[in-house]
Amino acid sequence: MQGSTALIKRSDIMKVLSRNRDATGILSIVIVAFLMSGITTGSVRAQDTCEADDNTIRMNYSLYAEYWRNKSFDSSLPYLRWILKCAPGFPSGSDRNYRRAVDVYEGIGLASEDLDIRRTYLDSALYIHDVAVPNLKDAGFEADPFNWMFNKGRFMQSHPVDLEDIQHEVGGVYQKAFEIDAARLEPYYINFIISDLVIRDQKTNAIEFMEVAENAYGDSGEYGVMIKEWRGRLFTSPEERIEFIEGQLADDPDNVELVSDLFNLYVDEEMRDMVYDLAPRLMELDPTAKTFRLVAKMRLDDGDTDGAIELYNQSLEMDDGQDSAMEVYYNIGVAHQQEGRLSRARTSYRQALRVDSGYGEALMSIGDLYVAAVQGCGSFEREDRAVYWLAADYFERARRLDDRVSAQIRSRLSTLSQLYPTAEDKFFKNWTTGGDFRIDYGCYTWIGESTRVR
């Protein structure tokens, strides 16, 4: 067996002996391996140092590579070990020689019927995964840390029987690969990491990892669907998730992600008192336009119109405030309208229309303002009912530009058509059908717009 036991260094011995197995039997094997590590062919013994010319390097490389190609791993090993020591990047500056070392140690191990020897060689292959990147870096060459970490996990996973006692480490190895380059880890391995943590009763770590993964991949696509499914399995009810996050937040009170998650859960579960208690904390920790809009909408829904307007206006002044300006202006208009401030409401709706002139909700709301103005004036004389013509103009424009509001518009127009001035009213006022008519009198002075006689 030429050089077949020349596989490990003193550090490897300690690694093997540290396994929770019968050290007595292994000890004799390792000692023999160490003592026989120098019993190789004469050519290799003459080259124990690295003071060699190009021809020596090429000779050792050619010998190991030829044996490796023929799967004569025992014969390949002594020459390969010399190459790893003296010319690790030869000939192309890659990690090829270290990758082949994994093949060699694995091949020799799997060929042995002795379970201890088999395990020792597989451990040596694992050791190569650990040292390839730093050793090549020290020698002036580059190697892909992600590939070596990922392949280490694959190697461990592919030997479930021989490496049974370290299978619980596989998920952690894949997690290290994720930390190196999350984009390159396929969904299967993300699922494996989460599953491994759950199986080992590390629910908190599983949830923390899912949050990190969700930040890396987003909440849509294959990754997002998988993470949501896991979250659903881990928490059978919103109350359970709330209780869990509240416990985490007690330990980490300034964690903005936890505060945000808990806030959204409170909103979803309509726990209004809890929402209001947490809102100032969220706005302090995460002073973004999105956060302010969220709290403002909640206040608007609960009738705190002035509080909502204040928060909406603050959101517009933030860095990302203009991202949803149309929605913000519209909601400010809703708040003013709820308080009967019709002119100010129209100003806000018009600001929303400046962002998108085809925004049907804003056009319809201005029409609603004019209908409300007639109801507020209360006389319902001919001049009052003429305002409905202008409201109808806005409704028709909204229906023409935005299909989303067409059903609501049909109902409004059907009602209004019965309230227009009659033919007798038009005759009495000398109004000609199709003629211009300006709304700027009495309590409608603030409107100051023209319509046509219908």
Protein backbone atom coordinates (compact mmCIF):
# COMPACT_ATOMS: atom_id res chain seq x y z
CA MET A 1 0.00 0.00 0.00
CA GLN A 2 2.17 2.80 -1.35
CA GLY A 3 1.76 5.88 0.83
CA SER A 4 -1.86 5.00 1.65
CA THR A 5 -1.56 5.98 5.28
CA ALA A 6 0.25 9.27 4.67
CA LEU A 7 -2.82 11.38 5.12
CA ILE A 8 -2.84 13.50 8.26
CA LYS A 9 -0.75 15.88 10.34
CA ARG A 10 -0.52 16.18 14.13
CA SER A 11 -3.47 18.60 14.14
CA ASP A 12 -5.52 15.98 12.29
CA ILE A 13 -4.75 13.42 15.01
CA MET A 14 -6.22 15.70 17.66
CA LYS A 15 -9.25 16.32 15.49
CA VAL A 16 -9.95 12.62 15.02
CA LEU A 17 -9.40 11.81 18.69
CA SER A 18 -11.82 14.58 19.68
CA ARG A 19 -14.75 12.64 18.17
CA ASN A 20 -17.09 11.04 20.68
CA ARG A 21 -16.07 7.53 19.66
CA ASP A 22 -13.83 4.75 20.99
CA ALA A 23 -10.48 6.56 21.06
CA THR A 24 -8.51 3.43 21.95
CA GLY A 25 -9.08 1.71 18.61
CA ILE A 26 -8.53 4.88 16.66
CA LEU A 27 -5.34 5.73 18.51
CA SER A 28 -3.48 2.72 17.14
CA ILE A 29 -4.63 3.51 13.61
CA VAL A 30 -3.62 7.15 13.83
CA ILE A 31 -0.21 6.38 15.35
CA VAL A 32 0.52 3.89 12.59
CA ALA A 33 -0.67 6.45 10.02
CA PHE A 34 1.61 9.10 11.48
CA LEU A 35 4.67 6.83 11.77
CA MET A 36 4.24 5.55 8.23
CA SER A 37 3.63 9.00 6.74
CA GLY A 38 7.23 9.06 5.51
CA ILE A 39 7.17 5.58 3.95
CA THR A 40 6.64 6.59 0.36
CA THR A 41 8.47 6.16 -2.89
CA GLY A 42 12.08 7.25 -3.05
CA SER A 43 11.37 10.14 -5.41
CA VAL A 44 8.96 11.75 -3.00
CA ARG A 45 11.23 11.21 0.02
CA ALA A 46 13.97 13.03 -1.82
CA GLN A 47 11.63 16.01 -2.18
CA ASP A 48 10.47 16.48 1.40
CA THR A 49 11.47 20.14 1.17
CA CYS A 50 10.05 22.62 -1.34
CA GLU A 51 13.39 23.61 -2.81
CA ALA A 52 12.53 22.23 -6.24
CA ASP A 53 12.70 23.51 -9.80
CA ASP A 54 9.88 23.61 -12.33
CA ASN A 55 10.69 20.14 -13.58
CA THR A 56 10.27 18.66 -10.10
CA ILE A 57 6.95 20.43 -9.66
CA ARG A 58 5.75 19.22 -13.06
CA MET A 59 6.91 15.67 -12.32
CA ASN A 60 5.01 15.45 -9.01
CA TYR A 61 1.95 17.08 -10.56
CA SER A 62 1.95 14.71 -13.54
CA LEU A 63 2.35 11.64 -11.32
CA TYR A 64 -0.44 12.54 -8.94
CA ALA A 65 -2.75 13.69 -11.75
CA GLU A 66 -2.26 10.48 -13.73
CA TYR A 67 -2.95 8.30 -10.70
CA TRP A 68 -5.94 10.50 -9.82
CA ARG A 69 -7.42 10.16 -13.31
CA ASN A 70 -7.07 6.38 -13.06
CA LYS A 71 -8.64 6.45 -9.56
CA SER A 72 -5.45 4.99 -8.09
CA PHE A 73 -5.92 7.23 -5.10
CA ASP A 74 -3.42 5.41 -2.84
CA SER A 75 -0.66 6.01 -5.35
CA SER A 76 -1.76 9.57 -6.05
CA LEU A 77 -1.75 10.75 -2.45
CA PRO A 78 2.00 11.21 -1.67
CA TYR A 79 2.60 13.24 -4.83
CA LEU A 80 -0.56 15.27 -4.27
CA ARG A 81 0.43 16.09 -0.69
CA TRP A 82 3.78 17.37 -1.95
CA ILE A 83 2.00 19.57 -4.52
CA LEU A 84 -0.35 20.97 -1.85
CA LYS A 85 2.67 21.84 0.26
CA CYS A 86 5.02 23.18 -2.41
CA ALA A 87 2.94 24.30 -5.40
CA PRO A 88 -0.75 24.42 -4.37
CA GLY A 89 -1.87 26.62 -7.26
CA PHE A 90 0.04 24.82 -10.01
CA PRO A 91 -0.55 25.00 -12.95
CA SER A 92 -3.44 27.48 -13.38
CA GLY A 93 -3.63 29.30 -10.05
CA SER A 94 -6.95 27.64 -9.15
CA ASP A 95 -8.12 25.45 -6.27
CA ARG A 96 -8.05 22.36 -8.51
CA ASN A 97 -5.46 20.48 -6.45
CA TYR A 98 -7.42 20.93 -3.23
CA ARG A 99 -10.61 19.77 -4.93
CA ARG A 100 -8.80 16.66 -6.11
CA ALA A 101 -7.46 16.10 -2.61
CA VAL A 102 -11.08 15.77 -1.44
CA ASP A 103 -11.60 13.13 -4.15
CA VAL A 104 -8.46 11.25 -3.12
CA TYR A 105 -9.17 11.12 0.62
CA GLU A 106 -12.81 10.25 0.00
CA GLY A 107 -11.87 7.57 -2.54
CA ILE A 108 -9.37 5.87 -0.25
CA GLY A 109 -11.78 6.01 2.67
CA LEU A 110 -14.74 4.52 0.82
CA ALA A 111 -12.53 1.72 -0.52
CA SER A 112 -11.71 0.54 3.01
CA GLU A 113 -13.86 -1.97 4.85
CA ASP A 114 -12.42 -0.91 8.20
CA LEU A 115 -14.90 1.66 9.55
CA ASP A 116 -12.28 3.51 11.61
CA ILE A 117 -9.90 3.91 8.67
CA ARG A 118 -12.84 4.85 6.47
CA ARG A 119 -13.88 7.56 8.91
CA THR A 120 -10.33 8.86 9.31
CA TYR A 121 -9.97 9.47 5.58
CA LEU A 122 -13.40 11.14 5.37
CA ASP A 123 -12.34 13.40 8.25
CA SER A 124 -9.23 14.28 6.25
CA ALA A 125 -11.44 15.19 3.28
CA LEU A 126 -13.47 17.46 5.58
CA TYR A 127 -10.24 19.01 6.84
CA ILE A 128 -9.35 19.92 3.24
CA HIS A 129 -12.63 21.87 3.01
CA ASP A 130 -11.57 23.89 6.04
CA VAL A 131 -8.01 24.72 4.98
CA ALA A 132 -8.26 25.13 1.19
CA VAL A 133 -9.26 28.80 1.14
CA PRO A 134 -6.84 30.13 3.80
CA ASN A 135 -3.93 28.00 2.54
CA LEU A 136 -4.38 29.15 -1.04
CA LYS A 137 -4.70 32.76 0.11
CA ASP A 138 -1.43 32.44 2.04
CA ALA A 139 0.19 31.07 -1.13
CA GLY A 140 -1.05 34.05 -3.17
CA PHE A 141 -4.00 32.37 -4.89
CA GLU A 142 -7.75 32.93 -4.73
CA ALA A 143 -10.47 30.40 -3.93
CA ASP A 144 -14.23 30.83 -3.63
CA PRO A 145 -15.19 30.74 0.07
CA PHE A 146 -18.85 30.13 -0.75
CA ASN A 147 -18.10 27.10 -2.91
CA TRP A 148 -15.88 25.49 -0.28
CA MET A 149 -18.34 26.09 2.55
CA PHE A 150 -21.32 24.95 0.48
CA ASN A 151 -19.48 21.86 -0.79
CA LYS A 152 -18.49 20.99 2.76
CA GLY A 153 -22.17 20.80 3.66
CA ARG A 154 -22.88 18.72 0.57
CA PHE A 155 -19.99 16.38 1.45
CA MET A 156 -21.26 15.86 4.99
CA GLN A 157 -24.82 15.36 3.79
CA SER A 158 -23.73 12.82 1.16
CA HIS A 159 -22.27 10.51 3.86
CA PRO A 160 -25.15 10.17 6.32
CA VAL A 161 -23.96 6.80 7.65
CA ASP A 162 -20.20 7.28 7.89
CA LEU A 163 -20.61 10.83 9.24
CA GLU A 164 -23.78 10.18 11.24
CA ASP A 165 -22.50 11.88 14.39
CA ILE A 166 -21.98 15.23 12.67
CA GLN A 167 -25.14 15.40 10.56
CA HIS A 168 -26.53 17.90 13.05
CA GLU A 169 -23.80 20.31 11.88
CA VAL A 170 -24.89 20.32 8.21
CA GLY A 171 -27.52 23.05 8.61
CA GLY A 172 -24.99 25.30 10.34
CA VAL A 173 -22.52 24.81 7.47
CA TYR A 174 -25.17 25.82 4.92
CA GLN A 175 -26.02 28.81 7.11
CA LYS A 176 -22.37 29.92 6.93
CA ALA A 177 -22.56 29.61 3.14
CA PHE A 178 -25.69 31.82 3.26
CA GLU A 179 -23.79 34.42 5.28
CA ILE A 180 -21.02 34.43 2.66
CA ASP A 181 -23.34 34.90 -0.34
CA ALA A 182 -27.08 34.53 0.19
CA ALA A 183 -27.91 35.03 -3.49
CA ARG A 184 -26.16 31.79 -4.46
CA LEU A 185 -27.93 29.51 -2.01
CA GLU A 186 -30.90 27.80 -3.63
CA PRO A 187 -34.31 27.56 -1.90
CA TYR A 188 -33.79 23.86 -1.02
CA TYR A 189 -30.90 24.75 1.28
CA ILE A 190 -32.76 27.67 2.89
CA ASN A 191 -35.55 25.21 3.64
CA PHE A 192 -32.97 22.73 4.98
CA ILE A 193 -31.53 25.34 7.37
CA ILE A 194 -34.96 26.27 8.75
CA SER A 195 -36.04 22.64 9.04
CA ASP A 196 -32.81 21.71 10.81
CA LEU A 197 -33.27 24.49 13.38
CA VAL A 198 -36.88 23.50 14.00
CA ILE A 199 -36.03 19.79 14.36
CA ARG A 200 -33.35 20.67 16.89
CA ASP A 201 -35.93 22.72 18.84
CA GLN A 202 -34.27 26.05 18.08
CA LYS A 203 -37.48 27.88 17.18
CA THR A 204 -36.12 31.32 18.09
CA ASN A 205 -33.07 30.85 15.89
CA ALA A 206 -35.29 29.58 13.06
CA ILE A 207 -37.45 32.70 13.23
CA GLU A 208 -34.43 35.00 13.37
CA PHE A 209 -32.94 33.25 10.35
CA MET A 210 -36.23 33.54 8.44
CA GLU A 211 -36.26 37.29 9.05
CA VAL A 212 -32.68 37.61 7.78
CA ALA A 213 -33.55 35.47 4.74
CA GLU A 214 -36.67 37.54 4.06
CA ASN A 215 -34.55 40.70 4.07
CA ALA A 216 -32.12 39.05 1.65
CA TYR A 217 -34.69 37.61 -0.77
CA GLY A 218 -37.80 39.73 -0.29
CA ASP A 219 -41.25 38.46 0.62
CA SER A 220 -42.26 37.33 -2.87
CA GLY A 221 -41.15 34.56 -5.20
CA GLU A 222 -40.18 31.04 -4.24
CA TYR A 223 -38.14 32.11 -1.21
CA GLY A 224 -40.89 34.36 0.14
CA VAL A 225 -43.61 31.73 -0.24
CA MET A 226 -41.47 29.14 1.54
CA ILE A 227 -40.66 31.46 4.45
CA LYS A 228 -44.33 32.40 4.85
CA GLU A 229 -45.29 28.73 4.90
CA TRP A 230 -42.72 28.04 7.61
CA ARG A 231 -43.93 30.99 9.62
CA GLY A 232 -47.46 29.63 9.38
CA ARG A 233 -46.29 26.25 10.67
CA LEU A 234 -44.36 27.73 13.57
CA PHE A 235 -47.20 29.99 14.68
CA THR A 236 -50.67 28.51 14.68
CA SER A 237 -52.31 31.82 15.60
CA PRO A 238 -51.54 35.57 15.50
CA GLU A 239 -51.76 35.60 19.28
CA GLU A 240 -48.89 33.12 19.48
CA ARG A 241 -46.75 35.23 17.17
CA ILE A 242 -47.60 38.38 19.12
CA GLU A 243 -46.61 36.71 22.36
CA PHE A 244 -43.34 35.53 20.83
CA ILE A 245 -42.38 38.96 19.44
CA GLU A 246 -43.35 40.70 22.67
CA GLY A 247 -40.95 38.37 24.47
CA GLN A 248 -38.16 39.13 21.99
CA LEU A 249 -38.83 42.86 22.23
CA ALA A 250 -38.53 42.76 26.00
CA ASP A 251 -34.96 41.55 25.53
CA ASP A 252 -34.20 43.91 22.63
CA PRO A 253 -36.44 46.99 23.04
CA ASP A 254 -34.75 49.05 20.31
CA ASN A 255 -35.02 46.43 17.58
CA VAL A 256 -36.89 48.33 14.85
CA GLU A 257 -37.85 45.18 12.94
CA LEU A 258 -39.46 43.66 16.02
CA VAL A 259 -41.31 46.88 16.79
CA SER A 260 -42.52 47.11 13.17
CA ASP A 261 -43.63 43.47 13.08
CA LEU A 262 -45.48 43.82 16.38
CA PHE A 263 -47.12 47.06 15.27
CA ASN A 264 -48.41 45.46 12.07
CA LEU A 265 -49.74 42.49 14.02
CA TYR A 266 -51.56 44.83 16.42
CA VAL A 267 -53.10 46.62 13.43
CA ASP A 268 -54.13 43.34 11.75
CA GLU A 269 -55.73 42.10 14.96
CA GLU A 270 -57.43 45.48 15.58
CA MET A 271 -55.76 45.88 18.94
CA ARG A 272 -56.16 49.66 18.77
CA ASP A 273 -54.99 50.49 22.29
CA MET A 274 -51.79 48.50 21.75
CA VAL A 275 -51.31 50.17 18.36
CA TYR A 276 -51.50 53.64 19.86
CA ASP A 277 -49.16 52.71 22.69
CA LEU A 278 -46.55 51.38 20.27
CA ALA A 279 -46.91 54.02 17.52
CA PRO A 280 -44.68 56.74 19.11
CA ARG A 281 -41.94 54.16 19.67
CA LEU A 282 -42.12 52.98 16.07
CA MET A 283 -41.99 56.53 14.69
CA GLU A 284 -38.99 57.31 16.87
CA LEU A 285 -37.08 54.17 15.87
CA ASP A 286 -38.16 54.15 12.22
CA PRO A 287 -38.93 57.76 11.19
CA THR A 288 -39.79 56.97 7.59
CA ALA A 289 -42.62 58.33 5.48
CA LYS A 290 -44.11 54.85 5.27
CA THR A 291 -44.31 54.57 9.06
CA PHE A 292 -45.85 58.01 9.43
CA ARG A 293 -48.41 57.25 6.69
CA LEU A 294 -49.35 54.02 8.44
CA VAL A 295 -50.00 55.73 11.76
CA ALA A 296 -51.78 58.64 10.02
CA LYS A 297 -54.19 56.26 8.25
CA MET A 298 -54.97 54.59 11.54
CA ARG A 299 -55.76 57.96 13.12
CA LEU A 300 -57.90 58.93 10.13
CA ASP A 301 -59.88 55.68 10.39
CA ASP A 302 -60.46 56.38 14.08
CA GLY A 303 -61.71 59.93 13.47
CA ASP A 304 -58.63 61.83 14.68
CA THR A 305 -58.56 63.92 11.53
CA ASP A 306 -56.26 66.70 12.73
CA GLY A 307 -53.76 64.17 14.11
CA ALA A 308 -53.87 62.35 10.78
CA ILE A 309 -53.30 65.54 8.76
CA GLU A 310 -50.31 66.49 10.92
CA LEU A 311 -48.67 63.09 10.40
CA TYR A 312 -49.44 63.06 6.69
CA ASN A 313 -47.85 66.49 6.25
CA GLN A 314 -44.76 65.35 8.18
CA SER A 315 -44.47 62.30 5.92
CA LEU A 316 -44.36 64.52 2.83
CA GLU A 317 -41.26 66.28 4.17
CA MET A 318 -39.26 63.04 4.55
CA ASP A 319 -36.77 61.61 2.07
CA ASP A 320 -39.23 59.09 0.65
CA GLY A 321 -42.25 61.30 1.23
CA GLN A 322 -43.07 61.89 -2.42
CA ASP A 323 -43.23 58.17 -3.21
CA SER A 324 -46.90 58.06 -2.20
CA ALA A 325 -47.75 61.77 -2.46
CA MET A 326 -50.99 61.15 -4.39
CA GLU A 327 -52.33 58.86 -1.68
CA VAL A 328 -51.24 61.28 1.06
CA TYR A 329 -52.87 64.33 -0.53
CA TYR A 330 -56.05 62.36 -1.12
CA ASN A 331 -56.25 61.22 2.50
CA ILE A 332 -55.63 64.76 3.73
CA GLY A 333 -58.59 65.76 1.57
CA VAL A 334 -60.70 63.04 3.17
CA ALA A 335 -59.74 64.33 6.63
CA HIS A 336 -60.74 67.93 5.76
CA GLN A 337 -63.99 66.72 4.17
CA GLN A 338 -64.90 64.80 7.32
CA GLU A 339 -64.56 68.05 9.26
CA GLY A 340 -66.69 69.99 6.74
CA ARG A 341 -63.74 72.00 5.43
CA LEU A 342 -64.85 71.61 1.83
CA SER A 343 -62.60 74.21 0.20
CA ARG A 344 -59.48 72.84 1.90
CA ALA A 345 -60.53 69.32 1.00
CA ARG A 346 -60.80 70.33 -2.66
CA THR A 347 -57.32 71.87 -2.50
CA SER A 348 -55.90 68.54 -1.29
CA TYR A 349 -57.79 66.55 -3.93
CA ARG A 350 -56.42 68.88 -6.59
CA GLN A 351 -52.90 68.27 -5.25
CA ALA A 352 -53.49 64.55 -5.71
CA LEU A 353 -54.66 65.22 -9.28
CA ARG A 354 -51.47 67.15 -9.99
CA VAL A 355 -49.61 63.91 -9.28
CA ASP A 356 -52.03 61.90 -11.48
CA SER A 357 -54.66 63.78 -13.49
CA GLY A 358 -56.59 60.56 -14.09
CA TYR A 359 -56.98 59.65 -10.43
CA GLY A 360 -60.69 58.77 -10.37
CA GLU A 361 -61.04 58.74 -6.58
CA ALA A 362 -59.98 62.40 -6.34
CA LEU A 363 -62.24 63.50 -9.23
CA MET A 364 -65.20 61.65 -7.71
CA SER A 365 -64.47 63.17 -4.30
CA ILE A 366 -64.56 66.72 -5.70
CA GLY A 367 -67.97 65.91 -7.20
CA ASP A 368 -69.04 64.64 -3.78
CA LEU A 369 -67.85 67.93 -2.24
CA TYR A 370 -70.15 69.91 -4.52
CA VAL A 371 -73.10 67.65 -3.68
CA ALA A 372 -72.30 68.15 0.02
CA ALA A 373 -72.16 71.93 -0.56
CA VAL A 374 -75.73 71.93 -1.89
CA GLN A 375 -76.91 69.89 1.07
CA GLY A 376 -75.11 72.29 3.40
CA CYS A 377 -76.65 75.43 1.95
CA GLY A 378 -80.10 73.95 2.51
CA SER A 379 -82.39 76.11 0.30
CA PHE A 380 -82.54 73.85 -2.78
CA GLU A 381 -83.54 76.74 -5.00
CA ARG A 382 -82.89 76.68 -8.74
CA GLU A 383 -79.38 78.09 -8.27
CA ASP A 384 -78.64 75.44 -5.63
CA ARG A 385 -79.69 72.54 -7.85
CA ALA A 386 -77.63 73.96 -10.73
CA VAL A 387 -74.51 73.04 -8.72
CA TYR A 388 -75.37 69.38 -9.41
CA TRP A 389 -74.46 70.02 -13.06
CA LEU A 390 -70.89 70.78 -11.97
CA ALA A 391 -70.78 67.72 -9.70
CA ALA A 392 -71.92 65.60 -12.66
CA ASP A 393 -69.06 67.03 -14.77
CA TYR A 394 -66.55 65.61 -12.26
CA PHE A 395 -68.32 62.28 -12.02
CA GLU A 396 -68.35 61.85 -15.79
CA ARG A 397 -64.70 62.80 -16.03
CA ALA A 398 -63.83 60.23 -13.35
CA ARG A 399 -65.80 57.52 -15.17
CA ARG A 400 -64.05 58.36 -18.43
CA LEU A 401 -60.52 58.26 -16.97
CA ASP A 402 -60.65 55.55 -14.30
CA ASP A 403 -62.58 52.30 -14.77
CA ARG A 404 -62.11 51.46 -11.10
CA VAL A 405 -64.79 53.94 -10.03
CA SER A 406 -67.27 53.40 -12.87
CA ALA A 407 -69.80 51.43 -10.78
CA GLN A 408 -69.89 54.09 -8.06
CA ILE A 409 -70.21 56.82 -10.67
CA ARG A 410 -73.25 55.23 -12.33
CA SER A 411 -75.09 55.27 -9.03
CA ARG A 412 -74.22 58.90 -8.35
CA LEU A 413 -75.23 60.11 -11.81
CA SER A 414 -78.53 58.24 -11.64
CA THR A 415 -79.38 60.02 -8.39
CA LEU A 416 -78.22 63.46 -9.55
CA SER A 417 -80.15 63.41 -12.80
CA GLN A 418 -83.38 63.52 -10.80
CA LEU A 419 -82.21 66.62 -8.92
CA TYR A 420 -81.20 68.86 -11.85
CA PRO A 421 -83.20 72.07 -12.45
CA THR A 422 -86.36 71.28 -14.43
CA ALA A 423 -87.28 72.68 -17.87
CA GLU A 424 -89.60 75.09 -16.07
CA ASP A 425 -86.70 76.22 -13.85
CA LYS A 426 -84.52 76.87 -16.89
CA PHE A 427 -87.30 78.78 -18.66
CA PHE A 428 -87.96 80.89 -15.60
CA LYS A 429 -84.21 81.73 -15.24
CA ASN A 430 -83.70 82.11 -18.99
CA TRP A 431 -80.99 79.39 -19.00
CA THR A 432 -80.24 77.97 -22.44
CA THR A 433 -79.36 74.26 -22.67
CA GLY A 434 -75.68 73.91 -23.50
CA GLY A 435 -74.89 77.42 -22.34
CA ASP A 436 -72.15 78.32 -19.83
CA PHE A 437 -73.09 78.67 -16.18
CA ARG A 438 -70.71 79.82 -13.44
CA ILE A 439 -71.02 78.69 -9.81
CA ASP A 440 -69.71 81.63 -7.74
CA TYR A 441 -72.67 83.02 -5.81
CA GLY A 442 -74.04 82.86 -2.29
CA CYS A 443 -72.53 80.10 -0.20
CA TYR A 444 -70.91 78.68 -3.38
CA THR A 445 -68.53 81.59 -3.84
CA TRP A 446 -65.58 79.34 -2.89
CA ILE A 447 -66.34 77.00 -5.83
CA GLY A 448 -65.66 79.53 -8.61
CA GLU A 449 -66.04 77.07 -11.51
CA SER A 450 -68.11 76.98 -14.66
CA THR A 451 -70.33 74.22 -16.00
CA ARG A 452 -72.91 73.92 -18.80
CA VAL A 453 -76.68 74.03 -18.61
CA ARG A 454 -78.03 70.50 -19.01
